[in-house]
Amino acid sequence: MNSDDRQREAANAGEGERFLIVGLGNTGRKYAGNRHNIGFMAVDRLAAKHGLLLNRVQNKALVANGRLANHPVILAKPQTMMNGSGDAVDPLAKFYKVPPANVLVIYDEIDIEFGMVRIREKGSSGGHNGMRSVIQHLGQEFPRIRLGVGRPNGKMPVHAYVLQDFAKDELPLVDEMLETAVAAVETFLSEGINMAMNKYNTKRS
């Protein structure tokens, strides 16, 4: 059995529908605390809660295989930089034979109030370059969790704002938002997209 076969076997272990959970962000230490990297933070938080390590590189992504809510799950953080995220997500989905409806993408959203979590079943990129790249490969028919980072005050350009680290006084709410995102992923896996939307789209994190 070669390494590809072993990876598929790990992802297929046990019964259950297979899912790919992707957090979007930029690679490199200087980006780690950026607003634009909250998708990475969410997947890291999910992995830590369930004892998984995102320490294997596959198809231009850091990945971990495990089971969540009785489903085989692949967690992934594309290592392509944000604008090329689809170049990692698409080959992973194909390798593990995960349909778009089971590819859940987590990312930052400037048009959502800071601290709010919003789940959508499908849709456009909303101007988010990472999502634009994923959509170019998968189409629009896949679910996503959008984590609100708000818009900059004053005249700061949006691109500069999202590449800033969260301010110290924002971190408690960031922590709450990440906890909500993890819970939303778990609900999505165990009860489906509609239940996740009903539960988490109606309140602040």
N, C-alpha and C. Protein backbone atom coordinates (compact mmCIF):
# COMPACT_ATOMS: atom_id res chain seq x y z
N MET A 1 0.85 -1.19 0.00
CA MET A 1 0.00 0.00 0.00
C MET A 1 0.89 1.25 0.00
N ASN A 2 0.66 2.15 -0.98
CA ASN A 2 1.48 3.36 -1.03
C ASN A 2 0.90 4.43 -0.10
N SER A 3 1.60 5.58 -0.02
CA SER A 3 1.19 6.61 0.93
C SER A 3 -0.18 7.19 0.60
N ASP A 4 -0.50 7.34 -0.70
CA ASP A 4 -1.82 7.85 -1.08
C ASP A 4 -2.92 6.92 -0.59
N ASP A 5 -2.71 5.61 -0.76
CA ASP A 5 -3.71 4.64 -0.32
C ASP A 5 -3.88 4.70 1.20
N ARG A 6 -2.79 4.87 1.93
CA ARG A 6 -2.88 4.94 3.39
C ARG A 6 -3.65 6.18 3.83
N GLN A 7 -3.43 7.31 3.12
CA GLN A 7 -4.15 8.53 3.46
C GLN A 7 -5.65 8.38 3.21
N ARG A 8 -6.00 7.76 2.08
CA ARG A 8 -7.42 7.53 1.81
C ARG A 8 -8.02 6.59 2.85
N GLU A 9 -7.28 5.56 3.21
CA GLU A 9 -7.77 4.60 4.20
C GLU A 9 -8.02 5.28 5.53
N ALA A 10 -7.11 6.18 5.92
CA ALA A 10 -7.29 6.92 7.18
C ALA A 10 -8.54 7.78 7.12
N ALA A 11 -8.77 8.42 5.98
CA ALA A 11 -9.94 9.28 5.83
C ALA A 11 -11.23 8.47 5.79
N ASN A 12 -11.14 7.23 5.34
CA ASN A 12 -12.32 6.39 5.20
C ASN A 12 -12.61 5.53 6.42
N ALA A 13 -11.74 5.61 7.43
CA ALA A 13 -11.85 4.71 8.57
C ALA A 13 -13.24 4.81 9.20
N GLY A 14 -13.87 3.66 9.39
CA GLY A 14 -15.20 3.64 9.97
C GLY A 14 -16.26 4.05 8.96
N GLU A 15 -17.47 4.18 9.45
CA GLU A 15 -18.58 4.54 8.59
C GLU A 15 -18.86 6.03 8.69
N GLY A 16 -19.69 6.50 7.78
CA GLY A 16 -20.10 7.90 7.83
C GLY A 16 -19.71 8.64 6.57
N GLU A 17 -20.50 9.65 6.27
CA GLU A 17 -20.26 10.50 5.11
C GLU A 17 -19.00 11.33 5.35
N ARG A 18 -18.20 11.50 4.32
CA ARG A 18 -16.90 12.17 4.46
C ARG A 18 -17.02 13.68 4.23
N PHE A 19 -16.26 14.47 5.01
CA PHE A 19 -16.28 15.92 4.90
C PHE A 19 -14.86 16.48 4.86
N LEU A 20 -14.73 17.60 4.16
CA LEU A 20 -13.49 18.37 4.11
C LEU A 20 -13.76 19.73 4.74
N ILE A 21 -13.05 20.04 5.82
CA ILE A 21 -13.22 21.31 6.53
C ILE A 21 -11.99 22.16 6.28
N VAL A 22 -12.17 23.32 5.65
CA VAL A 22 -11.06 24.15 5.20
C VAL A 22 -11.11 25.51 5.88
N GLY A 23 -10.00 25.93 6.44
CA GLY A 23 -9.85 27.31 6.91
C GLY A 23 -8.97 28.08 5.95
N LEU A 24 -9.35 29.30 5.61
CA LEU A 24 -8.57 30.11 4.68
C LEU A 24 -7.67 31.08 5.44
N GLY A 25 -6.50 31.34 4.85
CA GLY A 25 -5.55 32.28 5.45
C GLY A 25 -4.30 32.39 4.61
N ASN A 26 -3.37 33.19 5.08
CA ASN A 26 -2.06 33.32 4.45
C ASN A 26 -1.02 32.57 5.27
N THR A 27 -0.05 31.98 4.60
CA THR A 27 0.99 31.23 5.28
C THR A 27 2.10 32.17 5.75
N GLY A 28 2.78 31.78 6.81
CA GLY A 28 3.90 32.57 7.31
C GLY A 28 3.59 33.19 8.66
N ARG A 29 4.61 33.26 9.50
CA ARG A 29 4.44 33.75 10.87
C ARG A 29 3.92 35.18 10.91
N LYS A 30 4.33 36.01 9.96
CA LYS A 30 3.94 37.43 10.03
C LYS A 30 2.44 37.62 9.80
N TYR A 31 1.78 36.61 9.22
CA TYR A 31 0.34 36.72 8.98
C TYR A 31 -0.49 36.03 10.06
N ALA A 32 0.15 35.33 10.97
CA ALA A 32 -0.57 34.40 11.85
C ALA A 32 -1.69 35.05 12.65
N GLY A 33 -1.48 36.30 13.12
CA GLY A 33 -2.49 36.96 13.94
C GLY A 33 -3.40 37.89 13.18
N ASN A 34 -3.31 37.90 11.85
CA ASN A 34 -4.10 38.81 11.02
C ASN A 34 -5.59 38.48 11.04
N ARG A 35 -6.41 39.51 10.83
CA ARG A 35 -7.84 39.29 10.67
C ARG A 35 -8.12 38.33 9.51
N HIS A 36 -7.33 38.44 8.45
CA HIS A 36 -7.51 37.60 7.27
C HIS A 36 -7.25 36.13 7.56
N ASN A 37 -6.63 35.83 8.69
CA ASN A 37 -6.26 34.45 9.01
C ASN A 37 -7.17 33.79 10.03
N ILE A 38 -8.32 34.37 10.28
CA ILE A 38 -9.19 33.79 11.30
C ILE A 38 -9.73 32.43 10.85
N GLY A 39 -9.78 32.17 9.55
CA GLY A 39 -10.15 30.83 9.08
C GLY A 39 -9.15 29.78 9.53
N PHE A 40 -7.86 30.11 9.39
CA PHE A 40 -6.81 29.22 9.91
C PHE A 40 -6.99 29.01 11.42
N MET A 41 -7.24 30.12 12.14
CA MET A 41 -7.39 30.03 13.59
C MET A 41 -8.53 29.08 13.97
N ALA A 42 -9.63 29.15 13.23
CA ALA A 42 -10.79 28.31 13.54
C ALA A 42 -10.47 26.84 13.34
N VAL A 43 -9.79 26.51 12.24
CA VAL A 43 -9.44 25.11 12.00
C VAL A 43 -8.42 24.63 13.03
N ASP A 44 -7.49 25.49 13.41
CA ASP A 44 -6.54 25.13 14.47
C ASP A 44 -7.28 24.84 15.78
N ARG A 45 -8.26 25.67 16.10
CA ARG A 45 -9.03 25.49 17.34
C ARG A 45 -9.82 24.17 17.29
N LEU A 46 -10.41 23.89 16.14
CA LEU A 46 -11.16 22.64 15.96
C LEU A 46 -10.24 21.43 16.10
N ALA A 47 -9.07 21.50 15.47
CA ALA A 47 -8.11 20.40 15.54
C ALA A 47 -7.66 20.17 16.98
N ALA A 48 -7.35 21.25 17.69
CA ALA A 48 -6.87 21.12 19.06
C ALA A 48 -7.93 20.50 19.96
N LYS A 49 -9.17 20.90 19.78
CA LYS A 49 -10.24 20.35 20.61
C LYS A 49 -10.38 18.85 20.44
N HIS A 50 -10.15 18.38 19.21
CA HIS A 50 -10.36 16.96 18.92
C HIS A 50 -9.05 16.17 18.84
N GLY A 51 -7.97 16.77 19.30
CA GLY A 51 -6.70 16.05 19.38
C GLY A 51 -6.08 15.71 18.05
N LEU A 52 -6.30 16.55 17.04
CA LEU A 52 -5.73 16.32 15.71
C LEU A 52 -4.58 17.28 15.46
N LEU A 53 -3.61 16.84 14.68
CA LEU A 53 -2.44 17.66 14.36
C LEU A 53 -2.41 17.95 12.86
N LEU A 54 -2.42 19.23 12.52
CA LEU A 54 -2.31 19.64 11.12
C LEU A 54 -0.82 19.75 10.79
N ASN A 55 -0.19 18.61 10.62
CA ASN A 55 1.27 18.59 10.45
C ASN A 55 1.73 17.81 9.23
N ARG A 56 0.79 17.49 8.35
CA ARG A 56 1.16 16.75 7.14
C ARG A 56 0.81 17.59 5.92
N VAL A 57 1.74 17.70 4.99
CA VAL A 57 1.51 18.48 3.77
C VAL A 57 0.98 17.56 2.68
N GLN A 58 -0.14 17.96 2.09
CA GLN A 58 -0.73 17.20 0.99
C GLN A 58 -1.45 18.16 0.06
N ASN A 59 -1.21 18.05 -1.23
CA ASN A 59 -1.90 18.89 -2.21
C ASN A 59 -1.88 20.37 -1.82
N LYS A 60 -0.69 20.86 -1.49
CA LYS A 60 -0.49 22.28 -1.17
C LYS A 60 -1.28 22.73 0.06
N ALA A 61 -1.48 21.82 1.01
CA ALA A 61 -2.20 22.18 2.24
C ALA A 61 -1.62 21.41 3.41
N LEU A 62 -1.74 22.00 4.60
CA LEU A 62 -1.52 21.26 5.84
C LEU A 62 -2.81 20.54 6.18
N VAL A 63 -2.74 19.24 6.43
CA VAL A 63 -3.96 18.46 6.63
C VAL A 63 -3.85 17.59 7.87
N ALA A 64 -5.03 17.20 8.35
CA ALA A 64 -5.16 16.21 9.41
C ALA A 64 -6.39 15.37 9.11
N ASN A 65 -6.30 14.09 9.36
CA ASN A 65 -7.42 13.18 9.18
C ASN A 65 -7.92 12.72 10.54
N GLY A 66 -9.24 12.65 10.68
CA GLY A 66 -9.79 12.18 11.94
C GLY A 66 -11.27 11.91 11.82
N ARG A 67 -11.92 11.75 12.97
CA ARG A 67 -13.37 11.54 13.00
C ARG A 67 -13.99 12.57 13.91
N LEU A 68 -15.00 13.25 13.40
CA LEU A 68 -15.77 14.22 14.18
C LEU A 68 -17.24 13.90 13.97
N ALA A 69 -18.00 13.86 15.05
CA ALA A 69 -19.44 13.59 14.98
C ALA A 69 -19.72 12.33 14.17
N ASN A 70 -18.88 11.31 14.36
CA ASN A 70 -19.03 10.01 13.69
C ASN A 70 -18.86 10.08 12.18
N HIS A 71 -18.18 11.10 11.70
CA HIS A 71 -17.87 11.22 10.28
C HIS A 71 -16.36 11.24 10.08
N PRO A 72 -15.87 10.58 9.02
CA PRO A 72 -14.47 10.79 8.64
C PRO A 72 -14.31 12.20 8.10
N VAL A 73 -13.33 12.91 8.63
CA VAL A 73 -13.15 14.33 8.31
C VAL A 73 -11.70 14.62 7.98
N ILE A 74 -11.50 15.46 6.97
CA ILE A 74 -10.18 15.98 6.64
C ILE A 74 -10.19 17.47 6.98
N LEU A 75 -9.29 17.89 7.85
CA LEU A 75 -9.10 19.32 8.13
C LEU A 75 -7.96 19.83 7.27
N ALA A 76 -8.08 21.04 6.75
CA ALA A 76 -7.06 21.55 5.83
C ALA A 76 -6.86 23.05 5.97
N LYS A 77 -5.59 23.46 5.84
CA LYS A 77 -5.20 24.87 5.76
C LYS A 77 -4.34 25.03 4.51
N PRO A 78 -4.91 25.58 3.42
CA PRO A 78 -4.13 25.75 2.19
C PRO A 78 -2.85 26.55 2.44
N GLN A 79 -1.77 26.11 1.81
CA GLN A 79 -0.47 26.77 1.96
C GLN A 79 -0.09 27.52 0.69
N THR A 80 -1.08 27.95 -0.06
CA THR A 80 -0.89 28.59 -1.36
C THR A 80 -0.85 30.11 -1.28
N MET A 81 -1.04 30.68 -0.11
CA MET A 81 -1.43 32.07 0.10
C MET A 81 -2.91 32.20 -0.29
N MET A 82 -3.55 33.22 0.26
CA MET A 82 -5.00 33.34 0.19
C MET A 82 -5.54 33.27 -1.23
N ASN A 83 -4.95 34.02 -2.14
CA ASN A 83 -5.53 34.15 -3.48
C ASN A 83 -5.48 32.88 -4.30
N GLY A 84 -4.71 31.88 -3.86
CA GLY A 84 -4.64 30.61 -4.58
C GLY A 84 -5.27 29.46 -3.82
N SER A 85 -6.16 29.76 -2.88
CA SER A 85 -6.72 28.73 -2.01
C SER A 85 -7.35 27.57 -2.77
N GLY A 86 -8.01 27.88 -3.87
CA GLY A 86 -8.67 26.84 -4.65
C GLY A 86 -7.71 25.82 -5.24
N ASP A 87 -6.45 26.23 -5.43
CA ASP A 87 -5.45 25.32 -5.97
C ASP A 87 -5.11 24.20 -4.98
N ALA A 88 -5.44 24.40 -3.72
CA ALA A 88 -5.27 23.35 -2.71
C ALA A 88 -6.58 22.63 -2.44
N VAL A 89 -7.67 23.38 -2.34
CA VAL A 89 -8.95 22.79 -1.97
C VAL A 89 -9.44 21.81 -3.03
N ASP A 90 -9.35 22.18 -4.28
CA ASP A 90 -9.87 21.33 -5.36
C ASP A 90 -9.18 19.97 -5.42
N PRO A 91 -7.84 19.89 -5.45
CA PRO A 91 -7.22 18.57 -5.50
C PRO A 91 -7.48 17.74 -4.24
N LEU A 92 -7.61 18.38 -3.08
CA LEU A 92 -7.94 17.63 -1.87
C LEU A 92 -9.34 17.02 -1.98
N ALA A 93 -10.30 17.82 -2.43
CA ALA A 93 -11.66 17.31 -2.58
C ALA A 93 -11.70 16.15 -3.57
N LYS A 94 -10.95 16.26 -4.64
CA LYS A 94 -10.93 15.19 -5.63
C LYS A 94 -10.23 13.95 -5.09
N PHE A 95 -9.11 14.14 -4.39
CA PHE A 95 -8.35 13.01 -3.86
C PHE A 95 -9.20 12.20 -2.89
N TYR A 96 -9.91 12.89 -2.01
CA TYR A 96 -10.72 12.20 -1.00
C TYR A 96 -12.16 11.96 -1.45
N LYS A 97 -12.47 12.36 -2.69
CA LYS A 97 -13.80 12.14 -3.27
C LYS A 97 -14.90 12.76 -2.41
N VAL A 98 -14.65 14.01 -2.02
CA VAL A 98 -15.62 14.77 -1.23
C VAL A 98 -16.39 15.69 -2.17
N PRO A 99 -17.72 15.57 -2.24
CA PRO A 99 -18.50 16.45 -3.12
C PRO A 99 -18.53 17.87 -2.56
N PRO A 100 -18.76 18.87 -3.42
CA PRO A 100 -18.78 20.26 -2.95
C PRO A 100 -19.70 20.50 -1.76
N ALA A 101 -20.84 19.83 -1.71
CA ALA A 101 -21.78 20.03 -0.61
C ALA A 101 -21.21 19.62 0.74
N ASN A 102 -20.12 18.85 0.72
CA ASN A 102 -19.47 18.40 1.96
C ASN A 102 -18.14 19.10 2.20
N VAL A 103 -17.86 20.14 1.42
CA VAL A 103 -16.66 20.95 1.63
C VAL A 103 -17.09 22.22 2.37
N LEU A 104 -16.71 22.32 3.63
CA LEU A 104 -17.08 23.48 4.45
C LEU A 104 -15.88 24.41 4.57
N VAL A 105 -16.05 25.66 4.13
CA VAL A 105 -14.95 26.63 4.12
C VAL A 105 -15.21 27.71 5.17
N ILE A 106 -14.19 28.01 5.97
CA ILE A 106 -14.30 29.00 7.05
C ILE A 106 -13.37 30.17 6.72
N TYR A 107 -13.89 31.39 6.80
CA TYR A 107 -13.08 32.54 6.40
C TYR A 107 -13.59 33.83 7.02
N ASP A 108 -12.78 34.89 6.90
CA ASP A 108 -13.11 36.21 7.42
C ASP A 108 -14.07 36.94 6.49
N GLU A 109 -14.93 37.77 7.08
CA GLU A 109 -15.91 38.51 6.28
C GLU A 109 -16.02 39.94 6.81
N ILE A 110 -15.62 40.91 5.99
CA ILE A 110 -15.64 42.31 6.42
C ILE A 110 -17.05 42.88 6.45
N ASP A 111 -17.99 42.30 5.71
CA ASP A 111 -19.34 42.83 5.66
C ASP A 111 -20.25 42.24 6.73
N ILE A 112 -19.66 41.56 7.69
CA ILE A 112 -20.39 41.07 8.86
C ILE A 112 -19.79 41.74 10.09
N GLU A 113 -20.67 42.17 10.98
CA GLU A 113 -20.23 42.86 12.21
C GLU A 113 -19.19 42.03 12.95
N PHE A 114 -18.20 42.72 13.49
CA PHE A 114 -17.14 42.03 14.23
C PHE A 114 -17.74 41.18 15.35
N GLY A 115 -17.32 39.92 15.40
CA GLY A 115 -17.79 39.01 16.43
C GLY A 115 -18.96 38.14 16.04
N MET A 116 -19.59 38.44 14.90
CA MET A 116 -20.74 37.65 14.46
C MET A 116 -20.29 36.48 13.59
N VAL A 117 -21.03 35.39 13.66
CA VAL A 117 -20.78 34.20 12.85
C VAL A 117 -21.99 33.98 11.95
N ARG A 118 -21.76 33.79 10.68
CA ARG A 118 -22.85 33.56 9.74
C ARG A 118 -22.53 32.35 8.85
N ILE A 119 -23.51 31.49 8.70
CA ILE A 119 -23.35 30.26 7.92
C ILE A 119 -24.23 30.36 6.68
N ARG A 120 -23.68 29.98 5.54
CA ARG A 120 -24.45 29.96 4.29
C ARG A 120 -24.27 28.61 3.61
N GLU A 121 -25.31 28.19 2.93
CA GLU A 121 -25.28 26.90 2.23
C GLU A 121 -24.53 26.99 0.91
N LYS A 122 -24.54 28.19 0.29
CA LYS A 122 -23.89 28.41 -1.00
C LYS A 122 -23.86 29.90 -1.25
N GLY A 123 -23.25 30.31 -2.37
CA GLY A 123 -23.26 31.73 -2.71
C GLY A 123 -22.01 32.19 -3.41
N SER A 124 -21.93 33.49 -3.62
CA SER A 124 -20.80 34.10 -4.32
C SER A 124 -19.65 34.32 -3.34
N SER A 125 -18.57 34.88 -3.87
CA SER A 125 -17.38 35.14 -3.04
C SER A 125 -17.55 36.37 -2.17
N GLY A 126 -18.47 37.27 -2.52
CA GLY A 126 -18.62 38.51 -1.79
C GLY A 126 -17.38 39.38 -1.85
N GLY A 127 -16.55 39.18 -2.87
CA GLY A 127 -15.34 39.97 -3.02
C GLY A 127 -14.14 39.42 -2.28
N HIS A 128 -14.29 38.28 -1.62
CA HIS A 128 -13.18 37.66 -0.87
C HIS A 128 -12.32 36.86 -1.85
N ASN A 129 -11.04 37.22 -1.95
CA ASN A 129 -10.18 36.62 -2.97
C ASN A 129 -9.95 35.13 -2.75
N GLY A 130 -9.85 34.70 -1.51
CA GLY A 130 -9.68 33.28 -1.25
C GLY A 130 -10.91 32.49 -1.68
N MET A 131 -12.08 33.02 -1.36
CA MET A 131 -13.31 32.35 -1.78
C MET A 131 -13.48 32.39 -3.29
N ARG A 132 -13.07 33.49 -3.90
CA ARG A 132 -13.14 33.56 -5.36
C ARG A 132 -12.34 32.42 -5.99
N SER A 133 -11.17 32.15 -5.44
CA SER A 133 -10.32 31.08 -5.96
C SER A 133 -10.99 29.71 -5.77
N VAL A 134 -11.58 29.49 -4.60
CA VAL A 134 -12.24 28.21 -4.35
C VAL A 134 -13.42 28.03 -5.30
N ILE A 135 -14.20 29.10 -5.49
CA ILE A 135 -15.37 29.04 -6.36
C ILE A 135 -14.97 28.77 -7.81
N GLN A 136 -13.84 29.30 -8.24
CA GLN A 136 -13.37 29.04 -9.60
C GLN A 136 -13.17 27.54 -9.84
N HIS A 137 -12.86 26.81 -8.78
CA HIS A 137 -12.63 25.37 -8.91
C HIS A 137 -13.87 24.54 -8.59
N LEU A 138 -14.61 24.92 -7.55
CA LEU A 138 -15.71 24.08 -7.07
C LEU A 138 -17.09 24.56 -7.51
N GLY A 139 -17.20 25.79 -8.02
CA GLY A 139 -18.50 26.39 -8.21
C GLY A 139 -18.99 27.00 -6.90
N GLN A 140 -20.24 27.45 -6.87
CA GLN A 140 -20.76 28.16 -5.69
C GLN A 140 -21.54 27.27 -4.73
N GLU A 141 -21.73 26.00 -5.10
CA GLU A 141 -22.63 25.14 -4.33
C GLU A 141 -21.89 24.40 -3.21
N PHE A 142 -21.30 25.15 -2.30
CA PHE A 142 -20.67 24.53 -1.14
C PHE A 142 -20.91 25.42 0.08
N PRO A 143 -20.99 24.84 1.28
CA PRO A 143 -21.29 25.61 2.48
C PRO A 143 -20.08 26.37 3.00
N ARG A 144 -20.35 27.42 3.76
CA ARG A 144 -19.27 28.22 4.32
C ARG A 144 -19.69 28.84 5.65
N ILE A 145 -18.70 29.04 6.50
CA ILE A 145 -18.88 29.76 7.77
C ILE A 145 -18.10 31.06 7.66
N ARG A 146 -18.80 32.18 7.78
CA ARG A 146 -18.17 33.50 7.65
C ARG A 146 -18.03 34.12 9.04
N LEU A 147 -16.82 34.52 9.34
CA LEU A 147 -16.52 35.08 10.65
C LEU A 147 -16.34 36.59 10.53
N GLY A 148 -17.20 37.33 11.20
CA GLY A 148 -17.23 38.78 11.03
C GLY A 148 -16.03 39.49 11.63
N VAL A 149 -15.32 40.22 10.79
CA VAL A 149 -14.21 41.04 11.27
C VAL A 149 -14.51 42.53 11.12
N GLY A 150 -15.66 42.87 10.54
CA GLY A 150 -16.06 44.26 10.39
C GLY A 150 -15.21 45.01 9.37
N ARG A 151 -15.54 46.28 9.21
CA ARG A 151 -14.81 47.14 8.27
C ARG A 151 -13.93 48.12 9.03
N PRO A 152 -12.88 48.63 8.38
CA PRO A 152 -12.00 49.59 9.05
C PRO A 152 -12.69 50.92 9.28
N ASN A 153 -12.27 51.59 10.33
CA ASN A 153 -12.74 52.96 10.57
C ASN A 153 -11.92 53.92 9.73
N GLY A 154 -12.49 55.06 9.42
CA GLY A 154 -11.75 56.09 8.71
C GLY A 154 -11.42 55.69 7.29
N LYS A 155 -10.22 56.06 6.85
CA LYS A 155 -9.85 55.89 5.44
C LYS A 155 -8.89 54.72 5.21
N MET A 156 -8.70 53.87 6.19
CA MET A 156 -7.79 52.74 6.02
C MET A 156 -8.30 51.83 4.91
N PRO A 157 -7.45 51.47 3.93
CA PRO A 157 -7.86 50.54 2.88
C PRO A 157 -8.21 49.18 3.47
N VAL A 158 -9.18 48.52 2.86
CA VAL A 158 -9.61 47.22 3.36
C VAL A 158 -8.47 46.22 3.38
N HIS A 159 -7.63 46.22 2.32
CA HIS A 159 -6.56 45.22 2.26
C HIS A 159 -5.57 45.40 3.40
N ALA A 160 -5.35 46.66 3.81
CA ALA A 160 -4.45 46.90 4.94
C ALA A 160 -5.10 46.47 6.25
N TYR A 161 -6.39 46.69 6.36
CA TYR A 161 -7.13 46.33 7.57
C TYR A 161 -7.11 44.83 7.82
N VAL A 162 -7.40 44.03 6.79
CA VAL A 162 -7.48 42.58 7.00
C VAL A 162 -6.10 41.97 7.24
N LEU A 163 -5.04 42.68 6.83
CA LEU A 163 -3.69 42.18 7.07
C LEU A 163 -3.10 42.71 8.37
N GLN A 164 -3.92 43.39 9.16
CA GLN A 164 -3.53 43.79 10.52
C GLN A 164 -3.84 42.67 11.50
N ASP A 165 -3.06 42.58 12.57
CA ASP A 165 -3.41 41.69 13.67
C ASP A 165 -4.63 42.24 14.40
N PHE A 166 -5.38 41.35 15.01
CA PHE A 166 -6.45 41.79 15.90
C PHE A 166 -5.85 42.61 17.04
N ALA A 167 -6.55 43.66 17.43
CA ALA A 167 -6.11 44.47 18.57
C ALA A 167 -6.27 43.67 19.86
N LYS A 168 -5.48 44.02 20.86
CA LYS A 168 -5.50 43.28 22.12
C LYS A 168 -6.90 43.27 22.74
N ASP A 169 -7.60 44.41 22.66
CA ASP A 169 -8.92 44.46 23.27
C ASP A 169 -9.98 43.71 22.46
N GLU A 170 -9.63 43.28 21.25
CA GLU A 170 -10.55 42.49 20.44
C GLU A 170 -10.43 41.00 20.71
N LEU A 171 -9.34 40.58 21.33
CA LEU A 171 -9.04 39.15 21.44
C LEU A 171 -10.08 38.35 22.23
N PRO A 172 -10.67 38.90 23.31
CA PRO A 172 -11.71 38.11 23.99
C PRO A 172 -12.88 37.77 23.07
N LEU A 173 -13.31 38.73 22.24
CA LEU A 173 -14.41 38.46 21.32
C LEU A 173 -13.98 37.54 20.19
N VAL A 174 -12.72 37.66 19.75
CA VAL A 174 -12.19 36.71 18.77
C VAL A 174 -12.26 35.30 19.32
N ASP A 175 -11.88 35.14 20.59
CA ASP A 175 -11.92 33.82 21.22
C ASP A 175 -13.34 33.27 21.24
N GLU A 176 -14.31 34.11 21.59
CA GLU A 176 -15.70 33.67 21.59
C GLU A 176 -16.15 33.28 20.19
N MET A 177 -15.74 34.07 19.20
CA MET A 177 -16.13 33.79 17.82
C MET A 177 -15.55 32.45 17.35
N LEU A 178 -14.32 32.16 17.73
CA LEU A 178 -13.70 30.89 17.35
C LEU A 178 -14.40 29.72 18.03
N GLU A 179 -14.79 29.89 19.28
CA GLU A 179 -15.52 28.83 19.97
C GLU A 179 -16.86 28.57 19.28
N THR A 180 -17.52 29.65 18.87
CA THR A 180 -18.79 29.51 18.16
C THR A 180 -18.58 28.82 16.82
N ALA A 181 -17.51 29.17 16.12
CA ALA A 181 -17.22 28.54 14.83
C ALA A 181 -17.00 27.04 14.99
N VAL A 182 -16.27 26.65 16.02
CA VAL A 182 -16.04 25.22 16.27
C VAL A 182 -17.37 24.52 16.55
N ALA A 183 -18.19 25.12 17.39
CA ALA A 183 -19.49 24.52 17.69
C ALA A 183 -20.36 24.44 16.44
N ALA A 184 -20.27 25.45 15.57
CA ALA A 184 -21.05 25.44 14.33
C ALA A 184 -20.60 24.32 13.41
N VAL A 185 -19.30 24.08 13.32
CA VAL A 185 -18.80 22.96 12.51
C VAL A 185 -19.34 21.65 13.06
N GLU A 186 -19.29 21.49 14.36
CA GLU A 186 -19.77 20.24 14.97
C GLU A 186 -21.26 20.04 14.72
N THR A 187 -22.04 21.11 14.81
CA THR A 187 -23.47 21.01 14.52
C THR A 187 -23.70 20.69 13.05
N PHE A 188 -22.96 21.33 12.17
CA PHE A 188 -23.05 21.05 10.74
C PHE A 188 -22.81 19.56 10.47
N LEU A 189 -21.81 19.00 11.11
CA LEU A 189 -21.47 17.59 10.89
C LEU A 189 -22.51 16.65 11.49
N SER A 190 -23.03 17.00 12.64
CA SER A 190 -23.92 16.07 13.35
C SER A 190 -25.39 16.24 12.97
N GLU A 191 -25.78 17.48 12.61
CA GLU A 191 -27.21 17.74 12.39
C GLU A 191 -27.53 18.39 11.05
N GLY A 192 -26.51 18.80 10.29
CA GLY A 192 -26.75 19.33 8.97
C GLY A 192 -26.70 20.85 8.90
N ILE A 193 -26.66 21.35 7.66
CA ILE A 193 -26.47 22.77 7.41
C ILE A 193 -27.65 23.60 7.92
N ASN A 194 -28.88 23.12 7.75
CA ASN A 194 -30.04 23.92 8.15
C ASN A 194 -30.08 24.12 9.66
N MET A 195 -29.78 23.06 10.41
CA MET A 195 -29.76 23.20 11.86
C MET A 195 -28.64 24.15 12.29
N ALA A 196 -27.49 24.05 11.64
CA ALA A 196 -26.38 24.95 11.98
C ALA A 196 -26.76 26.40 11.71
N MET A 197 -27.41 26.66 10.58
CA MET A 197 -27.84 28.03 10.26
C MET A 197 -28.87 28.52 11.27
N ASN A 198 -29.84 27.68 11.59
CA ASN A 198 -30.89 28.08 12.54
C ASN A 198 -30.31 28.39 13.91
N LYS A 199 -29.31 27.65 14.30
CA LYS A 199 -28.76 27.78 15.65
C LYS A 199 -27.80 28.96 15.78
N TYR A 200 -27.01 29.22 14.72
CA TYR A 200 -25.91 30.18 14.87
C TYR A 200 -26.07 31.47 14.07
N ASN A 201 -27.04 31.54 13.17
CA ASN A 201 -27.22 32.77 12.39
C ASN A 201 -28.09 33.80 13.09
N THR A 202 -28.58 33.46 14.26
CA THR A 202 -29.55 34.34 14.92
C THR A 202 -28.99 35.06 16.13
N LYS A 203 -27.69 34.87 16.41
CA LYS A 203 -27.16 35.47 17.63
C LYS A 203 -25.70 35.84 17.46
N ARG A 204 -25.24 36.73 18.33
CA ARG A 204 -23.82 37.05 18.39
C ARG A 204 -23.08 35.86 18.97
N SER A 205 -21.78 35.71 18.56
CA SER A 205 -20.99 34.61 19.08
C SER A 205 -20.87 34.71 20.60
